[in-house]
Amino acid sequence: MLSYRHSFHAGNHADVLKHAVFVQLLRHILKKDKPFWCIDTHAGAALHALDEGYATKNAEYESGISRLWGRKVLPPLLDDYLAQVRAVNRGPELRSYPGSPQIALQLLRKKDSLRLFELHSTESEQLEKYFRGSDARVEVLAGDGFTGLLSVLPPPPRRAVILIDPSYEDKNDYASVIYALEEGLRRFATGVYMVWYPQVQRRESVQLAQDLRRLRQSDWLHVTLTVKDPAADGLGLHGSGVYIVNPPWTLPALLKESMPWLVEGLGQDDGALFSLDYEIA
């Protein structure tokens, strides 16, 4: 749905999980000198203000990134992620939160490229304005990220990190994710694919997690963070999950160290927990 604006949710517990893992995928692919593409199918805004505008309505960042902000000692995975957030905040106060386009830009080298798809007309215009004339590595493409992704695979360098994280406000997004991932793997089997999805009380959400597990065609990793028991009225986000195809072999150990901390630090009631499953040859 084109009414969705991620700024309402910027920096919440789902962003913490998603972006902490995203940073590690980029770190791993950067270990080789060869260039790569980072492809974001539903890019959203590059930078979110936390002290004004949409983010202040529900202040979801207060139960997310704010709980990490003042910490001096963190596990390496979370410390690296927090460094990316600090990079857009000058001074001790948390005022801004980087979206995935900004996080990627901070880590990419001159020889790497960033492809950003965004269907929401206002968001895509803001992205174009944000990056206009400043960086030749970045291309903003206004349009559907699912079809856009398939149009650029395989990327010329044959190396890529691909983030698939629609809003899921449209229930058709669930089926579109599975199709895009299956077709993407058919065209570009060696890419690193990361799918984020919400834990909500909706049949499609539960089915997506099951369908992702059935995909297991190659190396994979599936991590979830539940921060509270599902609401009695059936509404709201109680957690999220990340599914990765071709994950770094180093990622499981980093998550084993960090996920218990996230449960303790971001958990909102006794229903807080995490799960981690993987198969990496």
Protein backbone atom coordinates (compact mmCIF):
# COMPACT_ATOMS: atom_id res chain seq x y z
CA MET A 1 0.00 0.00 0.00
CA LEU A 2 1.33 3.41 -0.92
CA SER A 3 0.24 5.02 2.37
CA TYR A 4 3.07 3.31 4.26
CA ARG A 5 5.89 5.49 5.63
CA HIS A 6 8.65 3.72 7.49
CA SER A 7 9.56 6.85 9.46
CA PHE A 8 6.67 6.04 11.82
CA HIS A 9 8.64 2.93 12.87
CA ALA A 10 12.23 4.12 12.43
CA GLY A 11 14.67 2.66 14.93
CA ASN A 12 12.23 0.19 16.48
CA HIS A 13 13.20 -3.33 17.60
CA ALA A 14 12.63 -4.70 14.08
CA ASP A 15 15.04 -2.14 12.63
CA VAL A 16 17.63 -3.07 15.24
CA LEU A 17 17.56 -6.73 14.21
CA LYS A 18 17.35 -6.04 10.48
CA HIS A 19 20.09 -3.44 10.30
CA ALA A 20 22.45 -5.17 12.72
CA VAL A 21 22.40 -8.24 10.46
CA PHE A 22 22.54 -6.11 7.30
CA VAL A 23 25.76 -4.47 8.48
CA GLN A 24 27.38 -7.87 8.95
CA LEU A 25 26.43 -9.03 5.47
CA LEU A 26 28.06 -5.94 4.02
CA ARG A 27 31.13 -6.37 6.23
CA HIS A 28 31.59 -9.91 4.99
CA ILE A 29 31.32 -9.15 1.28
CA LEU A 30 33.71 -6.23 1.75
CA LYS A 31 36.46 -8.62 2.83
CA LYS A 32 37.21 -9.37 -0.82
CA ASP A 33 38.74 -6.68 -3.01
CA LYS A 34 36.30 -7.30 -5.86
CA PRO A 35 33.42 -4.81 -6.38
CA PHE A 36 29.82 -5.69 -5.57
CA TRP A 37 26.31 -4.32 -5.74
CA CYS A 38 23.99 -3.68 -2.83
CA ILE A 39 20.37 -3.93 -4.00
CA ASP A 40 17.52 -2.68 -1.79
CA THR A 41 14.06 -3.61 -3.09
CA HIS A 42 12.05 -1.37 -0.74
CA ALA A 43 14.52 1.31 0.21
CA GLY A 44 12.38 3.90 1.99
CA ALA A 45 14.01 7.07 3.28
CA ALA A 46 17.77 7.26 3.66
CA LEU A 47 17.61 9.17 6.93
CA HIS A 48 14.90 9.50 9.57
CA ALA A 49 14.54 12.36 12.05
CA LEU A 50 13.69 11.02 15.51
CA ASP A 51 13.07 14.37 17.20
CA GLU A 52 10.42 15.64 14.80
CA GLY A 53 7.88 14.48 12.24
CA TYR A 54 6.55 10.95 11.78
CA ALA A 55 8.90 9.19 14.22
CA THR A 56 7.62 11.20 17.17
CA LYS A 57 4.03 9.99 16.78
CA ASN A 58 4.55 6.58 18.39
CA ALA A 59 8.25 7.01 19.32
CA GLU A 60 8.92 3.34 18.54
CA TYR A 61 12.65 4.03 18.63
CA GLU A 62 12.40 4.39 22.41
CA SER A 63 11.92 0.63 22.74
CA GLY A 64 14.50 -0.05 20.04
CA ILE A 65 17.67 1.88 19.23
CA SER A 66 17.33 4.11 22.33
CA ARG A 67 17.94 1.10 24.56
CA LEU A 68 21.32 0.56 22.91
CA TRP A 69 22.33 4.18 22.52
CA GLY A 70 23.85 4.74 25.95
CA ARG A 71 25.62 1.39 26.20
CA LYS A 72 29.39 1.51 26.40
CA VAL A 73 30.01 -2.24 26.06
CA LEU A 74 28.14 -4.31 23.48
CA PRO A 75 28.77 -7.56 21.57
CA PRO A 76 30.73 -6.91 18.33
CA LEU A 77 27.72 -7.29 16.03
CA LEU A 78 25.71 -4.69 17.96
CA ASP A 79 28.69 -2.41 18.48
CA ASP A 80 29.32 -2.31 14.72
CA TYR A 81 25.64 -1.57 14.07
CA LEU A 82 25.59 1.19 16.69
CA ALA A 83 28.64 2.77 15.07
CA GLN A 84 26.59 3.18 11.86
CA VAL A 85 23.86 4.97 13.81
CA ARG A 86 26.39 7.18 15.59
CA ALA A 87 27.77 8.20 12.19
CA VAL A 88 24.60 10.23 11.46
CA ASN A 89 24.38 11.75 14.94
CA ARG A 90 26.75 14.54 15.86
CA GLY A 91 27.04 14.78 19.59
CA PRO A 92 25.74 12.63 22.44
CA GLU A 93 22.02 12.86 21.67
CA LEU A 94 20.13 10.43 19.44
CA ARG A 95 18.37 12.62 16.87
CA SER A 96 18.57 10.69 13.59
CA TYR A 97 18.31 7.12 12.43
CA PRO A 98 19.87 5.83 9.19
CA GLY A 99 17.73 3.78 6.84
CA SER A 100 19.28 0.89 4.93
CA PRO A 101 20.32 3.16 2.00
CA GLN A 102 22.39 5.36 4.30
CA ILE A 103 23.88 2.40 6.17
CA ALA A 104 24.93 0.83 2.88
CA LEU A 105 26.39 4.11 1.62
CA GLN A 106 28.51 4.45 4.76
CA LEU A 107 30.10 1.06 4.17
CA LEU A 108 30.45 0.90 0.38
CA ARG A 109 33.75 1.61 -1.36
CA LYS A 110 34.19 3.77 -4.44
CA LYS A 111 34.10 0.73 -6.73
CA ASP A 112 30.85 -0.66 -5.28
CA SER A 113 27.31 0.29 -6.35
CA LEU A 114 23.97 0.83 -4.64
CA ARG A 115 20.66 0.21 -6.40
CA LEU A 116 17.59 1.52 -4.56
CA PHE A 117 14.03 0.65 -5.56
CA GLU A 118 11.10 2.54 -4.04
CA LEU A 119 7.48 2.50 -5.22
CA HIS A 120 6.11 5.23 -2.92
CA SER A 121 6.30 8.40 -5.02
CA THR A 122 7.13 10.73 -2.14
CA GLU A 123 9.80 8.41 -0.74
CA SER A 124 11.41 7.87 -4.15
CA GLU A 125 11.48 11.62 -4.81
CA GLN A 126 13.10 12.24 -1.45
CA LEU A 127 15.66 9.51 -2.13
CA GLU A 128 16.53 11.04 -5.50
CA LYS A 129 16.90 14.46 -3.88
CA TYR A 130 19.00 13.03 -1.05
CA PHE A 131 21.50 11.40 -3.40
CA ARG A 132 21.25 13.77 -6.39
CA GLY A 133 24.63 14.85 -7.67
CA SER A 134 26.44 13.57 -4.61
CA ASP A 135 27.42 10.04 -5.45
CA ALA A 136 27.70 8.27 -8.80
CA ARG A 137 27.61 4.89 -7.05
CA VAL A 138 23.93 5.30 -6.21
CA GLU A 139 20.99 4.82 -8.56
CA VAL A 140 17.45 5.44 -7.34
CA LEU A 141 14.77 3.61 -9.33
CA ALA A 142 11.15 4.61 -8.77
CA GLY A 143 9.02 1.50 -9.09
CA ASP A 144 8.14 -1.91 -7.77
CA GLY A 145 11.15 -3.50 -6.11
CA PHE A 146 10.06 -7.07 -6.73
CA THR A 147 10.08 -6.75 -10.51
CA GLY A 148 12.95 -4.28 -10.35
CA LEU A 149 15.13 -6.78 -8.56
CA LEU A 150 14.69 -9.39 -11.24
CA SER A 151 15.48 -6.84 -13.94
CA VAL A 152 19.01 -6.28 -12.58
CA LEU A 153 19.97 -9.89 -11.87
CA PRO A 154 22.59 -11.07 -12.29
CA PRO A 155 24.52 -7.87 -11.52
CA PRO A 156 27.61 -7.16 -13.65
CA PRO A 157 30.17 -7.86 -10.88
CA ARG A 158 28.45 -11.18 -10.06
CA ARG A 159 28.60 -10.26 -6.37
CA ALA A 160 25.71 -8.70 -4.44
CA VAL A 161 23.95 -8.27 -1.12
CA ILE A 162 20.20 -8.08 -1.73
CA LEU A 163 17.79 -6.76 0.91
CA ILE A 164 14.10 -7.63 0.48
CA ASP A 165 11.97 -5.93 3.13
CA PRO A 166 8.56 -4.69 1.96
CA SER A 167 6.07 -3.20 4.42
CA TYR A 168 3.74 -6.24 4.20
CA GLU A 169 0.75 -3.90 4.57
CA ASP A 170 -0.43 -5.45 1.31
CA LYS A 171 -0.95 -9.16 2.01
CA ASN A 172 0.22 -9.92 -1.53
CA ASP A 173 3.73 -8.93 -0.42
CA TYR A 174 4.12 -12.26 1.35
CA ALA A 175 3.69 -14.27 -1.84
CA SER A 176 5.73 -11.73 -3.81
CA VAL A 177 8.68 -12.22 -1.45
CA ILE A 178 8.75 -15.96 -2.05
CA TYR A 179 8.47 -15.53 -5.81
CA ALA A 180 11.19 -12.86 -5.92
CA LEU A 181 13.54 -14.99 -3.82
CA GLU A 182 12.95 -18.17 -5.80
CA GLU A 183 13.27 -16.41 -9.15
CA GLY A 184 16.22 -14.37 -7.94
CA LEU A 185 18.07 -17.52 -6.94
CA ARG A 186 17.32 -19.06 -10.32
CA ARG A 187 18.93 -16.08 -12.07
CA PHE A 188 21.70 -15.40 -9.57
CA ALA A 189 22.29 -18.35 -7.26
CA THR A 190 25.43 -16.99 -5.59
CA GLY A 191 23.92 -13.73 -4.33
CA VAL A 192 23.51 -13.03 -0.63
CA TYR A 193 19.75 -12.60 -0.12
CA MET A 194 18.28 -11.17 3.07
CA VAL A 195 14.54 -11.23 3.70
CA TRP A 196 13.03 -9.36 6.64
CA TYR A 197 9.49 -10.12 7.77
CA PRO A 198 7.21 -9.03 10.65
CA GLN A 199 5.85 -11.26 13.39
CA VAL A 200 2.18 -10.31 13.45
CA GLN A 201 -1.00 -12.25 14.11
CA ARG A 202 -1.79 -12.81 10.47
CA ARG A 203 -1.98 -16.10 8.63
CA GLU A 204 0.25 -14.84 5.84
CA SER A 205 3.05 -13.98 8.29
CA VAL A 206 3.09 -17.46 9.77
CA GLN A 207 2.92 -19.01 6.29
CA LEU A 208 5.83 -16.91 5.05
CA ALA A 209 8.10 -18.19 7.81
CA GLN A 210 7.13 -21.76 6.89
CA ASP A 211 7.64 -21.14 3.16
CA LEU A 212 11.08 -19.63 3.78
CA ARG A 213 12.14 -22.68 5.77
CA ARG A 214 11.02 -24.92 2.91
CA LEU A 215 13.25 -23.02 0.48
CA ARG A 216 16.47 -24.43 1.95
CA GLN A 217 18.13 -24.95 -1.43
CA SER A 218 21.59 -23.92 -0.25
CA ASP A 219 23.28 -22.38 2.77
CA TRP A 220 20.74 -20.50 4.87
CA LEU A 221 20.19 -18.82 8.23
CA HIS A 222 16.96 -17.90 9.99
CA VAL A 223 16.91 -15.69 13.08
CA THR A 224 13.92 -14.21 14.90
CA LEU A 225 13.52 -11.74 17.74
CA THR A 226 10.24 -11.71 19.63
CA VAL A 227 10.02 -8.83 22.11
CA LYS A 228 6.65 -9.55 23.73
CA ASP A 229 3.65 -11.83 23.81
CA PRO A 230 1.15 -11.24 20.98
CA ALA A 231 -1.50 -8.69 21.92
CA ALA A 232 -4.86 -9.98 23.11
CA ASP A 233 -6.64 -7.91 20.45
CA GLY A 234 -4.54 -9.52 17.71
CA LEU A 235 -3.03 -6.23 16.61
CA GLY A 236 0.50 -4.91 16.48
CA LEU A 237 4.04 -6.12 15.87
CA HIS A 238 5.45 -8.45 18.52
CA GLY A 239 8.70 -9.34 16.76
CA SER A 240 10.37 -9.93 13.43
CA GLY A 241 12.52 -12.39 11.56
CA VAL A 242 15.38 -12.39 9.07
CA TYR A 243 16.03 -15.18 6.58
CA ILE A 244 19.31 -15.24 4.66
CA VAL A 245 20.39 -17.32 1.69
CA ASN A 246 24.17 -17.72 1.35
CA PRO A 247 24.98 -16.21 4.77
CA PRO A 248 28.54 -15.61 5.98
CA TRP A 249 29.92 -18.57 7.92
CA THR A 250 30.89 -16.11 10.67
CA LEU A 251 27.33 -14.89 11.28
CA PRO A 252 25.97 -17.68 13.53
CA ALA A 253 28.63 -17.11 16.20
CA LEU A 254 28.01 -13.36 16.18
CA LEU A 255 24.27 -13.89 16.56
CA LYS A 256 24.66 -16.44 19.33
CA GLU A 257 26.53 -13.80 21.29
CA SER A 258 24.18 -10.90 20.48
CA MET A 259 20.66 -12.35 20.47
CA PRO A 260 20.47 -13.09 24.22
CA TRP A 261 21.46 -9.49 24.84
CA LEU A 262 18.73 -8.25 22.49
CA VAL A 263 16.15 -10.37 24.28
CA GLU A 264 17.19 -8.86 27.60
CA GLY A 265 17.67 -5.33 26.30
CA LEU A 266 14.67 -5.02 23.98
CA GLY A 267 12.29 -7.51 25.59
CA GLN A 268 9.04 -5.98 26.84
CA ASP A 269 7.57 -8.88 28.81
CA ASP A 270 8.12 -12.56 29.63
CA GLY A 271 7.27 -13.50 26.04
CA ALA A 272 10.60 -12.13 24.78
CA LEU A 273 12.80 -14.75 23.11
CA PHE A 274 14.88 -15.48 20.03
CA SER A 275 15.39 -18.38 17.67
CA LEU A 276 18.37 -19.18 15.48
CA ASP A 277 18.59 -21.96 12.92
CA TYR A 278 21.05 -22.37 10.10
CA GLU A 279 22.81 -24.74 7.76
CA ILE A 280 26.11 -23.53 6.37
CA ALA A 281 28.44 -25.93 4.63
